[in-house]
């Protein structure tokens, strides 16, 4: 008999309990885009613009998200809501969010470090046909990798890069 129980720290399946490693305040350092997904090749990296502040705070069941573009930009947005984690292994799985309270999505121009050029990257947590309420996540080497919720798929038109087909992740440190 398999028993499942949700706890504030994670998901219990039989006698296995996973600790919620995502709890904390996480600051974006870069966006990385992989083809076809995070298990594939990393094709693009967009370091965060130096002065911008992009943060996600995860408590046991709630999240807050904020973006402040500093130095001339106008991308400022916030979001909050509830989330649950499901686990594939102890350090990765799916984050499902709900009860979103937020402002609009906005965009920041970011330079790709390997040559794919500048791209307009949307930020936000509004559920629409362009994004999802179920995000892949993993914690590795004290970094949180959280799938970009706005549907950004990388540069759209340079052959050796994503061609808009990648799975992109925010890389956060705490």
Protein backbone atom coordinates (compact mmCIF):
# COMPACT_ATOMS: atom_id res chain seq x y z
CA UNK A 1 0.00 0.00 0.00
CA UNK A 2 1.41 3.39 -1.00
CA UNK A 3 0.60 6.29 1.28
CA UNK A 4 1.04 9.90 0.28
CA UNK A 5 0.99 12.85 2.66
CA UNK A 6 1.68 16.49 1.93
CA UNK A 7 3.71 18.33 4.53
CA UNK A 8 5.01 21.86 4.70
CA UNK A 9 8.50 20.53 4.07
CA UNK A 10 7.81 18.35 1.07
CA UNK A 11 6.05 15.23 -0.19
CA UNK A 12 6.13 11.93 1.64
CA UNK A 13 5.78 8.71 -0.32
CA UNK A 14 5.85 5.55 1.78
CA UNK A 15 8.80 6.04 4.12
CA UNK A 16 10.63 8.54 1.88
CA UNK A 17 10.49 12.18 2.93
CA UNK A 18 12.00 14.87 0.71
CA UNK A 19 13.13 18.11 2.27
CA UNK A 20 11.95 21.24 0.43
CA UNK A 21 15.35 22.55 -0.70
CA UNK A 22 13.71 25.46 -2.53
CA UNK A 23 12.73 27.32 0.66
CA UNK A 24 14.61 30.62 0.92
CA UNK A 25 15.21 33.95 -0.75
CA UNK A 26 16.72 33.44 -4.21
CA UNK A 27 18.28 36.14 -6.43
CA UNK A 28 18.51 35.70 -10.19
CA UNK A 29 22.06 35.52 -11.54
CA UNK A 30 21.31 34.42 -15.12
CA UNK A 31 18.88 32.77 -17.48
CA UNK A 32 20.17 29.58 -19.10
CA UNK A 33 18.49 27.96 -22.10
CA UNK A 34 18.84 24.24 -22.84
CA UNK A 35 17.87 22.18 -25.86
CA UNK A 36 15.61 20.30 -25.78
CA UNK A 37 15.31 20.59 -21.98
CA UNK A 38 17.53 20.91 -18.90
CA UNK A 39 18.98 17.42 -19.50
CA UNK A 40 20.23 18.53 -22.94
CA UNK A 41 22.88 20.96 -24.17
CA UNK A 42 23.09 24.49 -22.76
CA UNK A 43 22.88 26.75 -25.82
CA UNK A 44 22.38 30.25 -24.38
CA UNK A 45 23.23 32.13 -21.18
CA UNK A 46 21.85 35.57 -20.32
CA UNK A 47 23.64 37.05 -17.29
CA UNK A 48 21.42 39.33 -15.22
CA UNK A 49 21.97 43.01 -15.90
CA UNK A 50 24.22 44.17 -13.07
CA UNK A 51 21.87 46.53 -11.22
CA UNK A 52 18.55 44.77 -11.81
CA UNK A 53 16.93 43.03 -8.85
CA UNK A 54 15.02 39.85 -9.62
CA UNK A 55 14.07 37.78 -6.59
CA UNK A 56 11.85 34.89 -5.63
CA UNK A 57 11.12 34.05 -2.00
CA UNK A 58 9.74 30.60 -1.25
CA UNK A 59 8.34 29.72 2.17
CA UNK A 60 6.78 26.35 2.95
CA UNK A 61 3.68 27.00 0.80
CA UNK A 62 3.77 30.62 -0.41
CA UNK A 63 5.94 32.53 -2.86
CA UNK A 64 6.65 36.17 -3.62
CA UNK A 65 8.36 37.34 -6.78
CA UNK A 66 9.68 40.77 -7.66
CA UNK A 67 11.49 42.38 -10.58
CA UNK A 68 13.03 45.85 -10.47
CA UNK A 69 14.89 47.03 -13.57
CA UNK A 70 17.39 49.65 -12.42
CA UNK A 71 19.28 52.13 -14.59
CA UNK A 72 16.76 53.39 -17.09
CA UNK A 73 14.47 50.42 -17.61
CA UNK A 74 10.81 50.32 -16.79
CA UNK A 75 10.28 46.62 -16.04
CA UNK A 76 8.88 46.42 -12.53
CA UNK A 77 6.50 43.67 -11.46
CA UNK A 78 5.57 41.61 -8.44
CA UNK A 79 3.60 38.44 -7.82
CA UNK A 80 2.60 36.29 -4.90
CA UNK A 81 0.63 33.11 -4.45
CA UNK A 82 0.69 29.52 -3.32
CA UNK A 83 2.82 26.69 -4.59
CA UNK A 84 3.33 22.96 -4.16
CA UNK A 85 6.34 20.88 -5.11
CA UNK A 86 6.33 17.44 -6.61
CA UNK A 87 9.54 15.46 -6.66
CA UNK A 88 11.20 13.39 -9.34
CA UNK A 89 14.23 12.97 -7.06
CA UNK A 90 15.22 14.67 -3.79
CA UNK A 91 16.55 17.73 -5.67
CA UNK A 92 14.25 18.21 -8.67
CA UNK A 93 10.69 17.98 -9.86
CA UNK A 94 7.77 20.27 -10.65
CA UNK A 95 6.58 23.44 -8.92
CA UNK A 96 2.86 24.11 -9.40
CA UNK A 97 1.61 27.56 -8.47
CA UNK A 98 -1.88 28.89 -7.87
CA UNK A 99 -3.84 31.81 -6.37
CA UNK A 100 -1.59 34.29 -8.20
CA UNK A 101 -1.84 37.94 -7.17
CA UNK A 102 0.34 40.13 -9.34
CA UNK A 103 0.94 42.99 -11.70
CA UNK A 104 1.59 42.69 -15.43
CA UNK A 105 4.38 40.92 -17.24
CA UNK A 106 7.19 43.19 -18.44
CA UNK A 107 10.41 42.69 -20.41
CA UNK A 108 14.12 43.38 -19.99
CA UNK A 109 16.68 43.42 -22.81
CA UNK A 110 19.47 41.01 -21.91
CA UNK A 111 22.73 40.25 -23.75
CA UNK A 112 23.48 36.58 -24.41
CA UNK A 113 27.10 35.87 -23.42
CA UNK A 114 27.96 33.44 -26.24
CA UNK A 115 26.99 35.44 -29.31
CA UNK A 116 23.23 35.04 -29.76
CA UNK A 117 22.86 38.80 -29.28
CA UNK A 118 20.45 40.89 -27.25
CA UNK A 119 17.03 39.42 -26.57
CA UNK A 120 13.90 40.87 -25.01
CA UNK A 121 13.16 38.55 -22.09
CA UNK A 122 9.69 38.69 -20.49
CA UNK A 123 9.37 38.43 -16.69
CA UNK A 124 6.24 37.75 -14.64
CA UNK A 125 3.86 35.08 -13.35
CA UNK A 126 0.60 35.75 -15.19
CA UNK A 127 -1.04 32.56 -16.40
CA UNK A 128 -1.79 32.73 -20.12
CA UNK A 129 -1.34 30.71 -23.27
CA UNK A 130 2.30 31.87 -23.32
CA UNK A 131 3.24 30.50 -19.93
CA UNK A 132 2.50 27.71 -17.53
CA UNK A 133 1.49 27.17 -13.94
CA UNK A 134 3.67 24.06 -13.73
CA UNK A 135 7.41 24.75 -13.75
CA UNK A 136 10.36 22.37 -13.70
CA UNK A 137 12.85 23.04 -10.89
CA UNK A 138 16.05 21.64 -9.45
CA UNK A 139 18.49 22.60 -6.72
CA UNK A 140 22.15 21.92 -7.47
CA UNK A 141 25.34 23.35 -5.96
CA UNK A 142 23.41 25.89 -3.85
CA UNK A 143 21.57 27.18 -6.93
CA UNK A 144 17.87 27.02 -7.74
CA UNK A 145 17.03 26.40 -11.41
CA UNK A 146 13.41 27.44 -12.01
CA UNK A 147 11.83 27.22 -15.46
CA UNK A 148 11.00 30.65 -16.89
CA UNK A 149 7.23 31.04 -16.44
CA UNK A 150 6.63 33.45 -19.33
CA UNK A 151 7.30 31.02 -22.15
CA UNK A 152 10.69 32.49 -23.21
CA UNK A 153 12.37 29.87 -25.45
CA UNK A 154 15.66 31.60 -26.32
CA UNK A 155 16.81 33.54 -29.35
CA UNK A 156 14.43 33.13 -32.27
CA UNK A 157 16.60 33.33 -35.39
CA UNK A 158 20.26 32.27 -35.08
CA UNK A 159 20.88 28.71 -36.33
CA UNK A 160 23.53 27.53 -33.84
CA UNK A 161 21.46 28.78 -30.88
CA UNK A 162 17.92 28.07 -29.63
CA UNK A 163 15.75 29.11 -32.60
CA UNK A 164 12.98 29.67 -30.05
CA UNK A 165 12.90 25.94 -29.13
CA UNK A 166 14.83 25.80 -25.86
CA UNK A 167 13.65 25.30 -22.31
CA UNK A 168 14.93 28.30 -20.32
CA UNK A 169 15.60 28.45 -16.59
CA UNK A 170 16.25 31.25 -14.17
CA UNK A 171 19.41 30.46 -12.19
CA UNK A 172 19.05 31.81 -8.66
CA UNK A 173 21.48 31.91 -5.75
CA UNK A 174 20.81 32.71 -2.11
